Amino acid sequence: MSQIGDGTAIGSALTASVNRLRGLKSKSRIVILMTDGQNNAGKITPAVAAEAAEAVKGDVIGPDGKPAS
């Protein structure tokens, strides 16, 4: 695996996670994405990635540890 440069690519991270879970035949598929909320890298927007992730349970946790509203 190659090293990724500086920045936060929320959309790319979510897409990569969903792609890894896509073929699993388990009762549940969960992605935990911890971020500061600043998407400043990557080619996939968080909104596009969220659409692709509809089959995966997910919750957003903010930098303060509280669920996002």
C-alpha atoms as a PDB file:
ATOM      1  CA  MET A   1       0.000   0.000   0.000  1.00  0.00           C
ATOM      2  CA  SER A   2       1.320   3.445  -0.823  1.00  0.00           C
ATOM      3  CA  GLN A   3       1.438   6.286   1.647  1.00  0.00           C
ATOM      4  CA  ILE A   4      -1.211   8.971   1.291  1.00  0.00           C
ATOM      5  CA  GLY A   5      -0.162  12.612   1.491  1.00  0.00           C
ATOM      6  CA  ASP A   6      -1.329  15.231   3.963  1.00  0.00           C
ATOM      7  CA  GLY A   7      -4.990  16.171   4.081  1.00  0.00           C
ATOM      8  CA  THR A   8      -8.313  14.618   4.978  1.00  0.00           C
ATOM      9  CA  ALA A   9     -10.134  12.745   2.234  1.00  0.00           C
ATOM     10  CA  ILE A  10     -13.408  11.828   3.939  1.00  0.00           C
ATOM     11  CA  GLY A  11     -15.126  10.732   0.724  1.00  0.00           C
ATOM     12  CA  SER A  12     -12.204   8.563  -0.354  1.00  0.00           C
ATOM     13  CA  ALA A  13     -11.920   6.967   3.092  1.00  0.00           C
ATOM     14  CA  LEU A  14     -15.621   6.150   3.232  1.00  0.00           C
ATOM     15  CA  THR A  15     -15.614   4.765  -0.310  1.00  0.00           C
ATOM     16  CA  ALA A  16     -12.593   2.552   0.408  1.00  0.00           C
ATOM     17  CA  SER A  17     -14.264   1.243   3.578  1.00  0.00           C
ATOM     18  CA  VAL A  18     -17.529   0.457   1.814  1.00  0.00           C
ATOM     19  CA  ASN A  19     -15.706  -1.305  -1.016  1.00  0.00           C
ATOM     20  CA  ARG A  20     -13.943  -3.567   1.485  1.00  0.00           C
ATOM     21  CA  LEU A  21     -17.240  -4.458   3.159  1.00  0.00           C
ATOM     22  CA  ARG A  22     -19.288  -4.868  -0.004  1.00  0.00           C
ATOM     23  CA  GLY A  23     -18.629  -8.581  -0.553  1.00  0.00           C
ATOM     24  CA  LEU A  24     -18.939  -9.684   3.069  1.00  0.00           C
ATOM     25  CA  LYS A  25     -21.834 -11.925   3.990  1.00  0.00           C
ATOM     26  CA  SER A  26     -22.253 -10.934   7.600  1.00  0.00           C
ATOM     27  CA  LYS A  27     -25.267  -9.811   9.590  1.00  0.00           C
ATOM     28  CA  SER A  28     -23.967  -6.285   9.936  1.00  0.00           C
ATOM     29  CA  ARG A  29     -21.418  -4.054   8.291  1.00  0.00           C
ATOM     30  CA  ILE A  30     -20.245  -1.043  10.238  1.00  0.00           C
ATOM     31  CA  VAL A  31     -17.809   1.729   9.380  1.00  0.00           C
ATOM     32  CA  ILE A  32     -16.401   3.999  12.058  1.00  0.00           C
ATOM     33  CA  LEU A  33     -15.089   7.201  10.542  1.00  0.00           C
ATOM     34  CA  MET A  34     -13.409   9.611  12.926  1.00  0.00           C
ATOM     35  CA  THR A  35     -12.629  12.992  11.443  1.00  0.00           C
ATOM     36  CA  ASP A  36     -12.301  16.665  12.210  1.00  0.00           C
ATOM     37  CA  GLY A  37     -14.882  17.250   9.487  1.00  0.00           C
ATOM     38  CA  GLN A  38     -12.549  19.096   7.136  1.00  0.00           C
ATOM     39  CA  ASN A  39     -12.573  17.400   3.725  1.00  0.00           C
ATOM     40  CA  ASN A  40      -9.589  18.961   1.977  1.00  0.00           C
ATOM     41  CA  ALA A  41      -8.207  16.131  -0.139  1.00  0.00           C
ATOM     42  CA  GLY A  42      -9.366  13.317  -2.395  1.00  0.00           C
ATOM     43  CA  LYS A  43     -11.468  13.235  -5.536  1.00  0.00           C
ATOM     44  CA  ILE A  44     -14.665  11.783  -4.052  1.00  0.00           C
ATOM     45  CA  THR A  45     -16.917  14.150  -2.140  1.00  0.00           C
ATOM     46  CA  PRO A  46     -18.369  13.022   1.197  1.00  0.00           C
ATOM     47  CA  ALA A  47     -21.909  13.367  -0.251  1.00  0.00           C
ATOM     48  CA  VAL A  48     -21.157  11.015  -3.151  1.00  0.00           C
ATOM     49  CA  ALA A  49     -19.495   8.520  -0.802  1.00  0.00           C
ATOM     50  CA  ALA A  50     -22.474   8.653   1.572  1.00  0.00           C
ATOM     51  CA  GLU A  51     -24.802   7.638  -1.262  1.00  0.00           C
ATOM     52  CA  ALA A  52     -22.594   4.639  -1.997  1.00  0.00           C
ATOM     53  CA  ALA A  53     -22.562   3.721   1.697  1.00  0.00           C
ATOM     54  CA  GLU A  54     -26.335   3.415   2.169  1.00  0.00           C
ATOM     55  CA  ALA A  55     -26.098  -0.344   2.814  1.00  0.00           C
ATOM     56  CA  VAL A  56     -23.627   0.160   5.670  1.00  0.00           C
ATOM     57  CA  LYS A  57     -24.598   1.317   9.136  1.00  0.00           C
ATOM     58  CA  GLY A  58     -22.735   4.418  10.098  1.00  0.00           C
ATOM     59  CA  ASP A  59     -22.665   7.119  12.707  1.00  0.00           C
ATOM     60  CA  VAL A  60     -20.694  10.325  12.628  1.00  0.00           C
ATOM     61  CA  ILE A  61     -18.626  11.161  15.680  1.00  0.00           C
ATOM     62  CA  GLY A  62     -17.299  14.690  16.006  1.00  0.00           C
ATOM     63  CA  PRO A  63     -13.872  15.665  17.345  1.00  0.00           C
ATOM     64  CA  ASP A  64     -15.403  16.180  20.789  1.00  0.00           C
ATOM     65  CA  GLY A  65     -16.510  12.538  20.895  1.00  0.00           C
ATOM     66  CA  LYS A  66     -20.198  13.378  20.595  1.00  0.00           C
ATOM     67  CA  PRO A  67     -22.449  12.184  17.772  1.00  0.00           C
ATOM     68  CA  ALA A  68     -22.978  14.811  15.087  1.00  0.00           C
ATOM     69  CA  SER A  69     -26.459  16.285  14.901  1.00  0.00           C
END
